[in-house]
Structure formats: structure tokens, C-alpha cells
Amino acid sequence: MDLGTPAHSGTPARSGAPTAADSPGHAVAVAVTDGMLHFELGIATEVFARDYDLTVCGPGPVRVGRFLLAPDHGLDRLPYAGTVIVPGWADVDAAPPAELVDAVRAAHEAGARVASLCTGAFVLAAAGLLDGRRATTHWAHTDVLAARHPEVTVDPDVLYVDEGSVLTSAGKAAALDLCLHLVRLDHGSAVANTVARRLVVPPHRDGGQAQFVTTPVPAPGNHPLAELFPWVMARLDEPLTVEDLARRAGLSSRHLARHFRAVTGTTPLRWLLAQRIRRAQELLETTDEGVDGIAAATGMGTATTLRRHFNRTVGVPPDTYRRTFRVRATDGARAPA
């Protein structure tokens, strides 16, 4: 792959560096050293291997769990990536290697977006990237992170935290949620949903959902809501109510809410609204349908209602969102393969 100039615009290419990438934001580097968790490393490589220029950077052959890994480049290449992923750190009682901490700090100073998966947050905290920011990590280690780094606002009750140029996730499945969130930010919901379908996981779980969910991904047929989810997704254009969902699931509204909280970490109405917004994003990205038509197709009723909920959830109006992703798509088409 090509890792060209450091991510920060205006920084000259280093001597002997590869040719500059036209889209440095889509160059992803995974930082590895001895003691990383292989599950989180696997998540990063699975999610970013197809739609990004992916490379693995380390100080040399490293031991990751039972596996011996040969990185593509040294840690000094991290600043040439637009996004740096730091997988989980196995021993949170041990200080991360100084060379890893320094390289991650240098990448962020060069303008890279840095994201940690699970206990990788301890590396970001050691690098000072979490000072004055909200962050999270695996629920079993949030107290340790907060005690060791009191300048960090540790939130133990969320799946992931997006602070712009610095992102952190909770453990395992939440690490996958954060990676899909990054894909959604870069390429839109349609691409993120395609990746999710390939990995056979839910396309979106909001970062603010609770970490501790008893059944994050119910398999078909083994949970009261397993058949309800696809039924709802096929009817997002209809004015569904909680009572409609409860009736379809054969549950009382109270029992439906309890199962929803256990499975998704949120309420039926909030989950339903999130699916409507994600469908609206897909339609804005992939069609020329007007806002009125998209409001009808997503069960929002009117363009005014769609704009209100969309702006509050996504942060920009639907028209602005569409223009943004049309520009990104045009830029991507001009970039060489």
C-alpha cells in the first residue's frame, strides 16, 4: 500500500517515504507490539482491509497472543496514515512500550485520527491523547483507567466515544461497533452496512448504548426479538408504534421494553428512530429522492419531521449530508486505485 506524506497537510514527505497517497484519510495503520490482543487486531483487519489502504506497523516481529506477526512497516510509519488503530493491550497493569506510545503521539500530532479498541485506551492515555477528553474502555478496566489517568473523563457505560480526532471503544463487540462507525463517517451508511452484512453483524449500534448487554447479537430463532428486527426493517416506511412491535413479537409493551434493553441497550422507540435515520442516510447517499420522498420512505411522515430528527441525530441537515457524501464520492472517483 501507499503511505505518503504525514496526515497533517503541509508536512513535507520524508526522505525515502513512499509516494504520497491522494486520500491520506483512507490510509489506515494498525499499531502493534508484543502484548496486543489478537481479537481486536483481527477486527481491525477485517473491517478496513477492503475499502482502505491498510498496513500493520510494529517494531519488528511481534507476539500477539499465540501468533507471531510480521508487520508491514515500522512504527515510524504511523504518521503517514490518516487513521491509526491501536488494538487492545493485554496487560493493563504493565506500562505500554515507550516506542509505541511515542509513535502514536507523533501520529496524532501529524494530524492522524487515532482510535483505540478495548484496552488500547491505556496506550492513548499514556500518550496524553485522552487528557481533558471523554473516553471509555472495557468495563472491567474503566476504574483502573480513571484512577491511573485522573485527567481523563472515563465513561464506563457506553460502547464507544467519538471525540473527533481521538476515539475509544469498550471491549470486543464494541470495538467492532467503533470500526463500523469509522467506516460510516468515511464512506457513508451504505458502505458500512455492506461491511456489516459481510461480517454478519448488526449495521449500527449507537456509541451511547450501554456496554453490558446480555445478548448483543441475537441469532435467528433463539430470542423473542430475533424475528422482529427484520420484520421492522422491511416496514420502516410504515408508522409503527411500540404497540405494533409488541403485538408482532407476542409480548406486552413492558416485556418488549425489557427485552429491547437487554438486547440493544436502548428502548424500542429510540432503536426504531435510529433505524429510520440510518435508512434516510442510505437514501441520501445512494438516490436522488427528495427529502419529502425520503421522509415518506422512512416513516417520518413529513420533511419537517425528518429534518428535525436528522439534524439532532447526525448533526447536519439532510441536504448538507447529501452534498457532503456526493463530494466525497466525486473525490474518491478521481483518486487513483
Protein backbone atom coordinates (compact mmCIF):
# COMPACT_ATOMS: atom_id res chain seq x y z
CA MET A 1 0.00 0.00 0.00
CA ASP A 2 0.97 3.65 -0.25
CA LEU A 3 1.64 5.67 2.87
CA GLY A 4 2.78 9.06 1.63
CA THR A 5 3.14 12.31 3.49
CA PRO A 6 2.20 12.53 7.16
CA ALA A 7 -1.51 13.08 7.67
CA HIS A 8 -1.08 16.74 8.59
CA SER A 9 -1.44 18.84 5.43
CA GLY A 10 1.56 20.89 4.54
CA THR A 11 4.08 18.49 6.13
CA PRO A 12 6.72 17.59 3.54
CA ALA A 13 7.30 13.97 2.60
CA ARG A 14 10.13 12.31 4.48
CA SER A 15 13.21 11.17 2.66
CA GLY A 16 12.73 7.66 1.31
CA ALA A 17 8.97 7.66 2.01
CA PRO A 18 6.52 6.05 -0.43
CA THR A 19 4.64 8.12 -2.98
CA ALA A 20 2.06 10.41 -1.37
CA ALA A 21 -1.43 9.00 -1.19
CA ASP A 22 -4.17 11.09 -2.75
CA SER A 23 -6.57 10.22 0.07
CA PRO A 24 -4.46 10.03 3.26
CA GLY A 25 -7.63 9.86 5.34
CA HIS A 26 -8.30 6.44 3.83
CA ALA A 27 -4.89 5.05 4.72
CA VAL A 28 -5.29 3.04 7.92
CA ALA A 29 -2.35 1.85 10.01
CA VAL A 30 -2.76 -0.68 12.82
CA ALA A 31 -0.11 -0.19 15.53
CA VAL A 32 1.13 -3.45 17.07
CA THR A 33 3.72 -4.54 19.61
CA ASP A 34 4.15 -7.58 21.84
CA GLY A 35 1.20 -7.89 24.19
CA MET A 36 -1.62 -6.84 21.87
CA LEU A 37 -4.91 -8.74 21.84
CA HIS A 38 -5.38 -10.73 18.64
CA PHE A 39 -9.19 -10.49 18.62
CA GLU A 40 -9.19 -6.69 18.32
CA LEU A 41 -6.36 -6.86 15.79
CA GLY A 42 -8.45 -9.27 13.74
CA ILE A 43 -11.46 -6.95 13.89
CA ALA A 44 -9.43 -4.04 12.53
CA THR A 45 -8.00 -6.04 9.65
CA GLU A 46 -11.40 -7.50 8.73
CA VAL A 47 -13.20 -4.15 8.69
CA PHE A 48 -10.56 -1.99 6.98
CA ALA A 49 -8.97 -4.45 4.55
CA ARG A 50 -11.29 -3.81 1.60
CA ASP A 51 -12.25 -0.13 1.48
CA TYR A 52 -8.99 1.30 2.83
CA ASP A 53 -5.27 1.13 2.24
CA LEU A 54 -4.42 -0.98 5.27
CA THR A 55 -1.00 -1.57 6.76
CA VAL A 56 0.28 -3.05 10.02
CA CYS A 57 3.10 -1.18 11.77
CA GLY A 58 5.31 -2.56 14.52
CA PRO A 59 8.88 -2.55 15.84
CA GLY A 60 9.61 -5.93 14.24
CA PRO A 61 8.12 -9.44 14.56
CA VAL A 62 5.69 -9.27 17.48
CA ARG A 63 3.90 -11.84 19.61
CA VAL A 64 0.12 -11.37 19.52
CA GLY A 65 -1.45 -13.99 21.77
CA ARG A 66 -0.50 -17.35 20.28
CA PHE A 67 0.53 -15.81 16.96
CA LEU A 68 3.79 -14.37 15.67
CA LEU A 69 3.10 -11.39 13.40
CA ALA A 70 5.43 -9.76 10.86
CA PRO A 71 4.37 -6.09 10.46
CA ASP A 72 4.48 -4.38 7.06
CA HIS A 73 6.39 -1.34 8.35
CA GLY A 74 7.99 0.06 11.47
CA LEU A 75 6.18 2.24 13.98
CA ASP A 76 7.80 5.30 12.41
CA ARG A 77 5.33 4.97 9.53
CA LEU A 78 2.28 5.72 11.70
CA PRO A 79 2.31 9.49 10.97
CA TYR A 80 1.83 8.71 7.26
CA ALA A 81 -1.63 7.25 7.88
CA GLY A 82 -4.88 9.17 8.07
CA THR A 83 -6.21 6.82 10.74
CA VAL A 84 -4.25 4.86 13.34
CA ILE A 85 -5.89 1.92 15.13
CA VAL A 86 -4.50 0.75 18.47
CA PRO A 87 -5.82 -2.75 19.35
CA GLY A 88 -6.40 -3.96 22.89
CA TRP A 89 -3.47 -4.03 25.32
CA ALA A 90 -3.35 -7.39 27.13
CA ASP A 91 -1.77 -6.42 30.47
CA VAL A 92 -3.25 -3.15 31.73
CA ASP A 93 -1.03 -3.37 34.82
CA ALA A 94 2.08 -3.02 32.66
CA ALA A 95 3.12 0.25 31.07
CA PRO A 96 2.82 0.21 27.25
CA PRO A 97 6.17 0.27 25.43
CA ALA A 98 7.57 3.79 25.16
CA GLU A 99 8.23 3.39 21.43
CA LEU A 100 4.55 2.58 20.83
CA VAL A 101 3.36 5.48 22.98
CA ASP A 102 5.73 7.90 21.24
CA ALA A 103 4.73 6.69 17.76
CA VAL A 104 1.00 7.04 18.49
CA ARG A 105 1.55 10.53 19.90
CA ALA A 106 3.59 11.51 16.84
CA ALA A 107 0.86 10.23 14.51
CA HIS A 108 -1.78 12.32 16.26
CA GLU A 109 0.46 15.39 16.22
CA ALA A 110 0.90 14.86 12.47
CA GLY A 111 -2.88 15.04 12.06
CA ALA A 112 -3.91 11.38 12.15
CA ARG A 113 -7.21 10.29 13.62
CA VAL A 114 -6.37 7.80 16.40
CA ALA A 115 -8.79 5.13 17.63
CA SER A 116 -8.27 2.57 20.37
CA LEU A 117 -10.07 -0.74 20.63
CA CYS A 118 -10.84 -2.07 24.10
CA THR A 119 -7.85 -1.63 26.43
CA GLY A 120 -5.90 0.14 23.69
CA ALA A 121 -7.21 3.21 25.51
CA PHE A 122 -4.37 2.74 28.01
CA VAL A 123 -1.90 3.41 25.18
CA LEU A 124 -3.75 6.58 24.14
CA ALA A 125 -3.90 7.73 27.76
CA ALA A 126 -0.17 7.14 28.22
CA ALA A 127 0.42 9.24 25.10
CA GLY A 128 -1.61 12.09 26.62
CA LEU A 129 -4.21 11.94 23.86
CA LEU A 130 -7.10 11.48 26.29
CA ASP A 131 -6.26 14.38 28.59
CA GLY A 132 -9.34 16.55 29.01
CA ARG A 133 -11.44 14.21 26.86
CA ARG A 134 -14.17 11.66 27.39
CA ALA A 135 -13.06 8.09 26.83
CA THR A 136 -14.06 4.52 27.51
CA THR A 137 -12.55 1.05 27.63
CA HIS A 138 -13.67 -2.44 28.62
CA TRP A 139 -15.99 -2.13 31.63
CA ALA A 140 -13.71 -4.35 33.74
CA HIS A 141 -10.89 -1.81 33.44
CA THR A 142 -12.64 1.58 33.49
CA ASP A 143 -11.86 2.09 37.19
CA VAL A 144 -8.18 1.38 36.59
CA LEU A 145 -8.03 3.80 33.67
CA ALA A 146 -9.77 6.53 35.68
CA ALA A 147 -7.50 6.05 38.71
CA ARG A 148 -4.29 5.99 36.67
CA HIS A 149 -5.27 8.94 34.48
CA PRO A 150 -7.48 11.31 36.52
CA GLU A 151 -7.24 13.93 33.78
CA VAL A 152 -9.37 11.66 31.57
CA THR A 153 -13.17 11.62 31.89
CA VAL A 154 -13.83 7.88 31.76
CA ASP A 155 -17.36 6.82 30.84
CA PRO A 156 -17.92 3.17 31.82
CA ASP A 157 -21.44 2.93 30.40
CA VAL A 158 -21.02 3.41 26.64
CA LEU A 159 -19.93 1.32 23.67
CA TYR A 160 -17.59 3.92 22.23
CA VAL A 161 -16.72 7.61 22.46
CA ASP A 162 -16.07 9.81 19.41
CA GLU A 163 -14.08 12.92 20.31
CA GLY A 164 -13.27 13.80 16.72
CA SER A 165 -9.59 13.08 16.22
CA VAL A 166 -9.50 10.64 19.14
CA LEU A 167 -11.91 7.72 19.56
CA THR A 168 -12.09 4.93 22.13
CA SER A 169 -14.21 1.80 22.40
CA ALA A 170 -15.25 -0.70 25.01
CA GLY A 171 -14.36 -4.38 24.58
CA LYS A 172 -14.79 -6.98 21.86
CA ALA A 173 -18.14 -6.37 20.08
CA ALA A 174 -17.95 -2.64 20.89
CA ALA A 175 -14.60 -2.50 19.11
CA LEU A 176 -16.39 -3.72 16.00
CA ASP A 177 -19.07 -1.06 16.52
CA LEU A 178 -16.41 1.65 16.59
CA CYS A 179 -14.72 0.34 13.43
CA LEU A 180 -18.05 0.35 11.60
CA HIS A 181 -18.66 3.87 12.93
CA LEU A 182 -15.39 4.97 11.30
CA VAL A 183 -16.40 3.37 8.00
CA ARG A 184 -19.74 5.17 8.22
CA LEU A 185 -18.02 8.51 8.82
CA ASP A 186 -15.67 7.99 5.86
CA HIS A 187 -17.83 6.21 3.30
CA GLY A 188 -21.44 6.57 4.47
CA SER A 189 -24.06 4.20 5.78
CA ALA A 190 -24.44 2.17 2.59
CA VAL A 191 -20.81 1.03 2.63
CA ALA A 192 -20.82 0.50 6.41
CA ASN A 193 -23.96 -1.62 6.12
CA THR A 194 -22.35 -3.68 3.35
CA VAL A 195 -19.36 -4.36 5.60
CA ALA A 196 -21.69 -5.30 8.45
CA ARG A 197 -23.62 -7.71 6.25
CA ARG A 198 -20.36 -9.33 5.15
CA LEU A 199 -19.39 -9.81 8.79
CA VAL A 200 -22.96 -10.87 9.73
CA VAL A 201 -23.32 -8.27 12.48
CA PRO A 202 -25.88 -5.51 13.15
CA PRO A 203 -25.17 -2.49 10.91
CA HIS A 204 -25.32 0.08 13.69
CA ARG A 205 -25.24 0.29 17.46
CA ASP A 206 -25.02 3.83 18.72
CA GLY A 207 -21.93 4.64 20.80
CA GLY A 208 -24.07 5.86 23.68
CA GLN A 209 -25.64 2.46 24.28
CA ALA A 210 -24.79 0.58 27.44
CA GLN A 211 -21.74 -1.70 27.41
CA PHE A 212 -23.36 -4.53 29.32
CA VAL A 213 -25.95 -6.08 27.03
CA THR A 214 -26.86 -9.68 27.69
CA THR A 215 -27.46 -10.63 24.03
CA PRO A 216 -25.83 -8.09 21.70
CA VAL A 217 -26.40 -10.12 18.51
CA PRO A 218 -29.38 -12.49 18.81
CA ALA A 219 -29.29 -15.39 16.40
CA PRO A 220 -32.48 -16.14 14.43
CA GLY A 221 -34.90 -18.28 16.34
CA ASN A 222 -33.25 -18.18 19.76
CA HIS A 223 -34.57 -14.87 21.12
CA PRO A 224 -38.03 -13.28 21.37
CA LEU A 225 -36.89 -10.35 19.20
CA ALA A 226 -34.89 -12.30 16.61
CA GLU A 227 -37.75 -12.37 14.09
CA LEU A 228 -38.98 -8.89 14.99
CA PHE A 229 -35.91 -6.98 13.78
CA PRO A 230 -36.07 -8.00 10.09
CA TRP A 231 -39.86 -7.53 10.14
CA VAL A 232 -39.42 -3.94 11.30
CA MET A 233 -36.61 -3.22 8.83
CA ALA A 234 -38.88 -4.26 5.97
CA ARG A 235 -41.57 -1.82 7.17
CA LEU A 236 -39.70 1.35 8.07
CA ASP A 237 -41.99 3.31 5.74
CA GLU A 238 -44.96 2.48 7.98
CA PRO A 239 -45.98 4.48 11.09
CA LEU A 240 -45.05 1.70 13.52
CA THR A 241 -45.69 2.09 17.22
CA VAL A 242 -44.39 0.28 20.29
CA GLU A 243 -47.74 -1.46 20.46
CA ASP A 244 -47.29 -2.70 16.86
CA LEU A 245 -43.88 -4.12 17.73
CA ALA A 246 -45.16 -5.74 20.92
CA ARG A 247 -48.09 -7.30 19.09
CA ARG A 248 -45.80 -8.69 16.38
CA ALA A 249 -43.42 -10.13 18.99
CA GLY A 250 -46.28 -11.59 21.01
CA LEU A 251 -45.24 -9.62 24.10
CA SER A 252 -46.69 -6.95 26.30
CA SER A 253 -45.22 -3.47 25.83
CA ARG A 254 -43.50 -3.78 29.20
CA HIS A 255 -41.88 -7.11 28.33
CA LEU A 256 -40.92 -5.79 24.90
CA ALA A 257 -39.10 -2.86 26.52
CA ARG A 258 -37.28 -5.20 28.89
CA HIS A 259 -36.10 -7.46 26.04
CA PHE A 260 -35.07 -4.45 23.96
CA ARG A 261 -32.98 -3.08 26.80
CA ALA A 262 -31.26 -6.47 27.23
CA VAL A 263 -30.57 -6.93 23.51
CA THR A 264 -29.85 -3.41 22.23
CA GLY A 265 -29.17 -1.36 25.35
CA THR A 266 -31.89 1.11 24.41
CA THR A 267 -35.66 1.49 24.17
CA PRO A 268 -37.87 0.32 21.26
CA LEU A 269 -38.65 3.90 20.19
CA ARG A 270 -35.02 5.01 20.22
CA TRP A 271 -33.99 1.90 18.32
CA LEU A 272 -36.74 2.45 15.75
CA LEU A 273 -35.77 6.10 15.28
CA ALA A 274 -32.13 5.11 14.80
CA GLN A 275 -33.11 2.65 12.04
CA ARG A 276 -35.20 5.33 10.31
CA ILE A 277 -32.30 7.78 10.41
CA ARG A 278 -29.85 5.19 9.05
CA ARG A 279 -32.24 4.35 6.21
CA ALA A 280 -32.54 8.07 5.45
CA GLN A 281 -28.75 8.32 5.32
CA GLU A 282 -28.57 5.45 2.84
CA LEU A 283 -31.20 7.03 0.60
CA LEU A 284 -29.48 10.42 0.73
CA GLU A 285 -26.20 8.80 -0.24
CA THR A 286 -27.42 6.47 -2.98
CA THR A 287 -30.51 8.11 -4.56
CA ASP A 288 -31.72 11.48 -5.87
CA GLU A 289 -35.01 11.18 -3.99
CA GLY A 290 -36.16 14.45 -2.43
CA VAL A 291 -36.42 14.99 1.30
CA ASP A 292 -40.22 14.63 1.15
CA GLY A 293 -39.92 11.26 -0.54
CA ILE A 294 -37.26 10.08 1.91
CA ALA A 295 -39.42 11.20 4.83
CA ALA A 296 -42.23 9.01 3.49
CA ALA A 297 -39.90 6.07 2.77
CA THR A 298 -38.53 6.11 6.31
CA GLY A 299 -41.84 6.53 8.13
CA MET A 300 -41.03 10.10 9.24
CA GLY A 301 -44.19 11.44 7.63
CA THR A 302 -43.05 14.93 6.67
CA ALA A 303 -39.84 16.61 5.58
CA THR A 304 -40.03 18.85 8.65
CA THR A 305 -40.05 15.86 10.98
CA LEU A 306 -37.19 14.20 9.11
CA ARG A 307 -35.10 17.37 9.17
CA ARG A 308 -35.65 17.84 12.91
CA HIS A 309 -34.69 14.29 13.88
CA PHE A 310 -31.89 14.04 11.30
CA ASN A 311 -30.26 17.29 12.35
CA ARG A 312 -30.46 16.37 16.03
CA THR A 313 -29.04 12.87 15.46
CA VAL A 314 -26.48 13.38 12.70
CA GLY A 315 -25.57 16.99 13.40
CA VAL A 316 -26.31 18.41 9.95
CA PRO A 317 -29.48 18.83 7.82
CA PRO A 318 -30.28 16.12 5.23
CA ASP A 319 -29.35 18.34 2.27
CA THR A 320 -25.95 19.14 3.76
CA TYR A 321 -25.35 15.46 4.48
CA ARG A 322 -26.15 14.55 0.86
CA ARG A 323 -23.83 17.22 -0.55
CA THR A 324 -21.01 16.10 1.74
CA PHE A 325 -21.14 12.49 0.60
CA ARG A 326 -21.58 13.44 -3.06
CA VAL A 327 -18.35 15.46 -2.79
CA ARG A 328 -16.58 12.54 -1.09
CA ALA A 329 -17.78 10.15 -3.78
CA THR A 330 -16.56 12.50 -6.53
CA ASP A 331 -13.15 12.90 -4.85
CA GLY A 332 -12.88 9.14 -4.47
CA ALA A 333 -13.65 8.62 -8.15
CA ARG A 334 -10.79 10.96 -9.11
CA ALA A 335 -8.27 9.26 -6.84
CA PRO A 336 -6.11 6.58 -8.49
CA ALA A 337 -6.59 2.96 -7.47
